[in-house]
Amino acid sequence: MIMTEALTETPPRMDRALLAKLTGGLGDSHTVQKLCADFGQLYIEFLPDVFHSETGLTMQVHYNGHESGLMMDLIADLGDNVSLTNGQLRNWSPNFVLACGNSFVITLMENLLGALPETIQEPIERPLSQIELDLAVMVYDKIANVLRSGVNASGGFEPLLEKAHNAEDHPKPDEDHIDEYGVTIKLGITLGTVESEFYLVVPQKALLKTVVTMPKSKSQTSKSKKEWQEQIAEQVRRSHVTLEARIQLDTLTLATVSRLIAGDVIPFREKGDVMVDVSANGKDLYRCEFGRAGDRYTVRVKDNVSTEDEILKHLMS
């Protein structure tokens, strides 16, 4: 008896890029370049007016080109010195990402707190504080609304944005996540002497169906500079602050200090009520009296060193 073994072969998988092109998820370079430039023009025309009408600050926006690739790679390429927010706009894209250089948010905060533009220098690279992330939420709201006003999304729905976060806290995709092709639209933004960038990371499936139009009116005012400052101040009031207490000790000679060993005792300077200076972020806030309640040492506020406005302004800076 002759037995024939049937061999089955798995057909080769279709090339990822080819499949994306056939299904509308990857465009040719000329089309993508044109659409990204249209987005650039939209932001050049309208974002400076939006910020000026609400903050009184003058800034410039310019188009810095685009990058194509897989969405997760594009987001990773933005680096660590940015904050990000995930967004969606109904009838346009269920997933896009906005990102902004941290130096812009830090500089904007300084301007809103009254610093003179000529005194503001290029910030050091660092993650944003919680208060600065709250300001970034307002920045992203303006960027997203300019986006909504210029794309052909039917229904007039508002963009939905998640909470802004530093790059190091950007959520990782699920293990079964299938990445898609996207594009990063890069826009430079200059405020005073500080230059930074913000970015739109958009799936090409949404981009290729977009018709970018310039809104008829540039009057997109909503909040005044005072309202922005009040919102920041309110966030400061809700923020947790680490306090430090300093107690002045009796003066000793350097020779005595150099010979101190475990078990030696240094007396407080005061012989009666021991006074304590309480500070936060290097700013003296209160003069307090040192004491004890049960098994915990405590301080009792005796006098304010700074006014409430001074304290808030210092903690916001």
Protein backbone atom coordinates (compact mmCIF):
# COMPACT_ATOMS: atom_id res chain seq x y z
CA MET A 1 0.00 0.00 0.00
CA ILE A 2 1.30 3.38 -0.92
CA MET A 3 0.37 6.19 1.42
CA THR A 4 0.54 9.78 0.27
CA GLU A 5 1.28 12.41 2.90
CA ALA A 6 -0.47 15.68 2.21
CA LEU A 7 1.71 18.63 3.05
CA THR A 8 0.05 21.91 3.85
CA GLU A 9 1.90 25.18 3.78
CA THR A 10 0.88 28.39 5.51
CA PRO A 11 0.51 31.12 2.90
CA PRO A 12 2.92 34.03 3.42
CA ARG A 13 1.46 37.01 5.25
CA MET A 14 0.87 40.15 3.25
CA ASP A 15 3.43 42.90 3.73
CA ARG A 16 2.28 45.21 6.54
CA ALA A 17 2.83 48.45 4.62
CA LEU A 18 1.12 47.08 1.51
CA LEU A 19 -1.89 45.99 3.53
CA ALA A 20 -2.09 49.44 5.13
CA LYS A 21 -1.99 51.12 1.71
CA LEU A 22 -4.76 48.86 0.38
CA THR A 23 -6.99 49.57 3.39
CA GLY A 24 -6.47 53.35 3.53
CA GLY A 25 -4.09 53.35 6.48
CA LEU A 26 -0.95 54.52 4.67
CA GLY A 27 -0.70 57.27 2.08
CA ASP A 28 1.85 58.25 -0.52
CA SER A 29 4.50 60.76 0.55
CA HIS A 30 3.15 63.63 -1.58
CA THR A 31 -0.38 63.39 -0.16
CA VAL A 32 0.83 63.09 3.44
CA GLN A 33 3.23 66.01 3.00
CA LYS A 34 0.45 68.24 1.62
CA LEU A 35 -1.98 67.42 4.44
CA CYS A 36 0.64 67.97 7.15
CA ALA A 37 1.54 71.36 5.63
CA ASP A 38 -2.17 72.27 5.69
CA PHE A 39 -2.28 71.49 9.40
CA GLY A 40 0.82 73.61 9.86
CA GLN A 41 -0.84 76.57 8.16
CA LEU A 42 -3.95 76.14 10.31
CA TYR A 43 -1.93 76.48 13.51
CA ILE A 44 0.24 79.30 12.19
CA GLU A 45 -2.90 81.31 11.42
CA PHE A 46 -5.00 80.65 14.50
CA LEU A 47 -3.12 79.39 17.58
CA PRO A 48 -1.22 82.67 18.27
CA ASP A 49 -4.52 84.60 18.15
CA VAL A 50 -6.17 82.17 20.58
CA PHE A 51 -3.37 82.52 23.13
CA HIS A 52 -3.12 86.29 22.71
CA SER A 53 -6.85 86.82 23.20
CA GLU A 54 -6.84 84.78 26.40
CA THR A 55 -3.49 85.61 27.98
CA GLY A 56 -2.33 88.82 26.33
CA LEU A 57 0.90 87.04 25.38
CA THR A 58 2.40 87.21 21.90
CA MET A 59 3.84 84.03 20.44
CA GLN A 60 4.81 82.75 17.02
CA VAL A 61 4.06 79.36 15.49
CA HIS A 62 5.88 77.85 12.51
CA TYR A 63 5.70 74.53 10.70
CA ASN A 64 8.67 72.21 11.28
CA GLY A 65 7.74 69.37 8.93
CA HIS A 66 6.49 65.87 9.64
CA GLU A 67 7.61 62.30 10.32
CA SER A 68 5.87 59.12 9.18
CA GLY A 69 5.99 55.72 10.87
CA LEU A 70 4.18 53.44 13.28
CA MET A 71 2.26 55.31 15.98
CA MET A 72 4.12 53.85 18.98
CA ASP A 73 7.50 54.55 17.38
CA LEU A 74 6.49 58.14 16.61
CA ILE A 75 5.40 58.72 20.21
CA ALA A 76 8.63 57.22 21.57
CA ASP A 77 10.67 59.45 19.23
CA LEU A 78 9.25 62.56 20.93
CA GLY A 79 11.69 61.96 23.78
CA ASP A 80 11.44 62.55 27.52
CA ASN A 81 11.20 66.36 27.68
CA VAL A 82 7.53 66.51 26.66
CA SER A 83 4.12 66.06 28.18
CA LEU A 84 1.39 64.21 26.31
CA THR A 85 -2.34 63.63 26.23
CA ASN A 86 -4.36 61.02 24.37
CA GLY A 87 -7.36 62.39 22.51
CA GLN A 88 -10.30 61.50 20.33
CA LEU A 89 -12.64 63.49 18.12
CA ARG A 90 -15.87 61.83 17.10
CA ASN A 91 -16.33 61.42 13.34
CA TRP A 92 -12.65 62.17 12.76
CA SER A 93 -10.29 59.97 14.81
CA PRO A 94 -10.84 57.74 17.86
CA ASN A 95 -7.19 58.01 18.84
CA PHE A 96 -4.63 60.76 18.38
CA VAL A 97 -1.92 62.17 20.63
CA LEU A 98 -1.00 65.77 21.43
CA ALA A 99 2.42 66.53 22.88
CA CYS A 100 4.20 69.72 23.90
CA GLY A 101 7.75 70.56 24.89
CA ASN A 102 8.04 71.12 28.64
CA SER A 103 9.98 74.35 28.12
CA PHE A 104 6.89 76.02 26.60
CA VAL A 105 4.63 75.12 29.54
CA ILE A 106 7.24 76.22 32.10
CA THR A 107 7.78 79.52 30.26
CA LEU A 108 4.04 80.11 29.93
CA MET A 109 3.65 79.56 33.68
CA GLU A 110 6.35 82.15 34.42
CA ASN A 111 4.69 84.68 32.12
CA LEU A 112 1.27 84.16 33.68
CA LEU A 113 2.79 84.70 37.13
CA GLY A 114 4.02 88.13 36.04
CA ALA A 115 7.68 87.56 35.17
CA LEU A 116 9.12 90.02 32.67
CA PRO A 117 9.68 88.29 29.31
CA GLU A 118 13.27 89.57 29.08
CA THR A 119 14.12 87.94 32.43
CA ILE A 120 12.90 84.45 31.45
CA GLN A 121 15.68 82.11 30.36
CA GLU A 122 15.60 78.71 28.64
CA PRO A 123 14.33 76.25 31.29
CA ILE A 124 16.36 73.20 32.21
CA GLU A 125 15.04 69.88 30.92
CA ARG A 126 12.85 68.29 33.58
CA PRO A 127 9.41 66.68 33.96
CA LEU A 128 6.50 69.02 34.65
CA SER A 129 5.21 69.44 38.19
CA GLN A 130 1.56 68.66 38.91
CA ILE A 131 0.66 72.34 38.77
CA GLU A 132 2.41 72.69 35.42
CA LEU A 133 0.59 69.60 34.12
CA ASP A 134 -2.67 71.30 35.03
CA LEU A 135 -1.60 74.29 32.97
CA ALA A 136 -0.69 71.88 30.14
CA VAL A 137 -4.32 70.69 30.18
CA MET A 138 -5.40 74.22 29.25
CA VAL A 139 -2.73 74.39 26.54
CA TYR A 140 -3.91 71.10 25.02
CA ASP A 141 -7.49 72.30 25.15
CA LYS A 142 -6.55 75.24 22.90
CA ILE A 143 -4.53 73.05 20.50
CA ALA A 144 -7.38 70.52 20.27
CA ASN A 145 -10.00 73.21 19.62
CA VAL A 146 -7.98 74.68 16.76
CA LEU A 147 -7.77 71.12 15.41
CA ARG A 148 -11.55 70.69 15.69
CA SER A 149 -12.21 74.00 13.95
CA GLY A 150 -10.10 73.05 10.93
CA VAL A 151 -10.99 69.43 10.16
CA ASN A 152 -14.08 68.09 8.44
CA ALA A 153 -15.55 66.24 11.43
CA SER A 154 -19.34 66.24 11.13
CA GLY A 155 -21.60 66.77 14.11
CA GLY A 156 -19.70 69.60 15.80
CA PHE A 157 -18.47 67.37 18.63
CA GLU A 158 -15.88 68.59 21.15
CA PRO A 159 -12.49 66.85 21.39
CA LEU A 160 -12.13 64.50 24.36
CA LEU A 161 -8.70 64.62 26.00
CA GLU A 162 -7.30 62.44 28.75
CA LYS A 163 -5.32 63.83 31.66
CA ALA A 164 -1.97 65.33 30.64
CA HIS A 165 1.09 63.39 31.81
CA ASN A 166 4.86 63.41 31.53
CA ALA A 167 6.50 61.24 28.88
CA GLU A 168 7.76 58.79 31.49
CA ASP A 169 4.15 58.14 32.56
CA HIS A 170 2.75 57.50 29.09
CA PRO A 171 0.71 54.27 29.25
CA LYS A 172 2.12 51.20 27.56
CA PRO A 173 0.00 49.48 24.89
CA ASP A 174 -1.73 46.19 25.62
CA GLU A 175 0.17 43.04 24.66
CA ASP A 176 -2.30 42.31 21.85
CA HIS A 177 -2.16 45.90 20.54
CA ILE A 178 -1.79 46.11 16.75
CA ASP A 179 0.05 49.26 15.82
CA GLU A 180 -0.98 51.41 12.87
CA TYR A 181 0.79 53.89 10.65
CA GLY A 182 0.66 57.50 11.66
CA VAL A 183 2.33 60.84 11.18
CA THR A 184 3.84 63.38 13.57
CA ILE A 185 3.07 66.97 12.59
CA LYS A 186 5.76 69.15 14.16
CA LEU A 187 5.18 72.81 14.99
CA GLY A 188 7.65 75.23 16.52
CA ILE A 189 6.36 77.71 19.08
CA THR A 190 8.25 80.75 20.32
CA LEU A 191 7.33 82.66 23.49
CA GLY A 192 9.68 85.52 24.29
CA THR A 193 13.21 84.21 23.90
CA VAL A 194 12.25 80.57 24.50
CA GLU A 195 11.66 78.25 21.55
CA SER A 196 9.90 74.91 21.86
CA GLU A 197 7.72 72.54 19.83
CA PHE A 198 4.32 70.94 20.02
CA TYR A 199 3.19 67.88 18.10
CA LEU A 200 0.14 66.15 16.67
CA VAL A 201 0.54 62.38 16.28
CA VAL A 202 -2.32 61.31 14.03
CA PRO A 203 -3.20 57.93 12.48
CA GLN A 204 -2.83 58.15 8.71
CA LYS A 205 -6.24 56.49 8.34
CA ALA A 206 -7.77 59.67 9.80
CA LEU A 207 -5.31 62.05 8.17
CA LEU A 208 -5.95 60.79 4.64
CA LYS A 209 -9.69 61.44 4.96
CA THR A 210 -9.16 64.97 6.26
CA VAL A 211 -9.92 68.19 4.45
CA VAL A 212 -8.26 71.03 6.36
CA THR A 213 -10.22 74.29 6.16
CA MET A 214 -9.45 77.68 7.67
CA PRO A 215 -12.22 78.85 10.02
CA LYS A 216 -13.99 82.01 8.91
CA SER A 217 -13.54 83.81 12.22
CA LYS A 218 -10.48 84.08 14.42
CA SER A 219 -12.50 85.20 17.46
CA GLN A 220 -12.11 82.13 19.67
CA THR A 221 -11.93 83.80 23.08
CA SER A 222 -13.06 82.02 26.23
CA LYS A 223 -10.82 82.69 29.22
CA SER A 224 -9.00 85.89 30.13
CA LYS A 225 -5.49 86.02 31.52
CA LYS A 226 -6.97 86.66 34.98
CA GLU A 227 -9.12 83.52 34.72
CA TRP A 228 -6.08 81.43 33.74
CA GLN A 229 -4.18 82.78 36.77
CA GLU A 230 -7.14 82.13 39.08
CA GLN A 231 -7.42 78.55 37.84
CA ILE A 232 -3.71 77.98 38.49
CA ALA A 233 -4.01 79.54 41.96
CA GLU A 234 -6.98 77.30 42.79
CA GLN A 235 -4.94 74.23 41.82
CA VAL A 236 -2.13 75.43 44.12
CA ARG A 237 -4.60 75.69 47.02
CA ARG A 238 -5.53 72.03 46.50
CA SER A 239 -1.94 70.83 46.15
CA HIS A 240 -0.05 69.05 48.91
CA VAL A 241 3.08 70.84 50.12
CA THR A 242 5.92 69.43 52.22
CA LEU A 243 6.71 71.75 55.14
CA GLU A 244 10.08 72.01 56.85
CA ALA A 245 10.74 73.25 60.37
CA ARG A 246 14.03 74.86 61.47
CA ILE A 247 14.99 75.29 65.10
CA GLN A 248 17.91 77.54 65.99
CA LEU A 249 20.47 75.84 68.24
CA ASP A 250 22.93 77.45 70.63
CA THR A 251 26.11 78.74 68.99
CA LEU A 252 29.20 76.60 69.40
CA THR A 253 32.78 77.10 68.36
CA LEU A 254 34.00 75.20 65.32
CA ALA A 255 36.47 73.34 67.56
CA THR A 256 33.59 72.12 69.76
CA VAL A 257 31.49 71.09 66.75
CA SER A 258 34.39 69.09 65.30
CA ARG A 259 34.67 67.05 68.53
CA LEU A 260 30.98 66.16 68.91
CA ILE A 261 30.27 62.44 69.32
CA ALA A 262 27.16 60.30 69.63
CA GLY A 263 25.33 61.15 72.86
CA ASP A 264 26.45 64.80 73.08
CA VAL A 265 23.63 67.28 73.61
CA ILE A 266 23.26 70.68 71.88
CA PRO A 267 20.76 73.02 73.59
CA PHE A 268 18.21 75.18 71.79
CA ARG A 269 19.06 78.87 71.54
CA GLU A 270 15.90 79.99 73.40
CA LYS A 271 15.59 79.21 77.09
CA GLY A 272 11.84 79.75 77.26
CA ASP A 273 9.42 79.01 74.43
CA VAL A 274 11.40 77.51 71.55
CA MET A 275 10.59 79.27 68.25
CA VAL A 276 10.55 77.40 64.94
CA ASP A 277 10.72 78.74 61.36
CA VAL A 278 8.39 76.77 59.04
CA SER A 279 9.06 76.93 55.29
CA ALA A 280 8.05 75.29 52.00
CA ASN A 281 10.16 75.20 48.85
CA GLY A 282 12.70 77.46 50.55
CA LYS A 283 10.13 80.16 51.43
CA ASP A 284 9.57 81.07 55.10
CA LEU A 285 5.85 80.88 55.86
CA TYR A 286 5.29 80.97 59.63
CA ARG A 287 6.94 81.54 63.00
CA CYS A 288 5.87 78.75 65.30
CA GLU A 289 6.26 77.57 68.86
CA PHE A 290 7.84 74.17 69.44
CA GLY A 291 5.86 71.72 71.57
CA ARG A 292 4.55 68.22 71.99
CA ALA A 293 1.15 66.52 71.83
CA GLY A 294 1.08 62.95 73.14
CA ASP A 295 3.91 61.01 71.52
CA ARG A 296 4.39 63.47 68.63
CA TYR A 297 6.40 66.68 68.49
CA THR A 298 4.41 69.61 67.12
CA VAL A 299 4.60 73.32 66.25
CA ARG A 300 1.92 75.94 66.97
CA VAL A 301 1.61 78.85 64.54
CA LYS A 302 2.36 82.14 66.29
CA ASP A 303 2.84 84.56 63.38
CA ASN A 304 2.63 84.74 59.55
CA VAL A 305 5.89 85.61 57.82
CA SER A 306 4.30 85.87 54.34
CA THR A 307 0.85 86.89 53.13
CA GLU A 308 -1.47 84.37 51.43
CA ASP A 309 -0.82 85.94 48.00
CA GLU A 310 2.94 85.80 48.54
CA ILE A 311 2.76 82.16 49.56
CA LEU A 312 0.64 81.18 46.55
CA LYS A 313 2.84 83.05 44.10
CA HIS A 314 5.98 81.43 45.52
CA LEU A 315 4.54 77.90 45.43
CA MET A 316 3.39 78.37 41.83
CA SER A 317 6.87 79.48 40.71
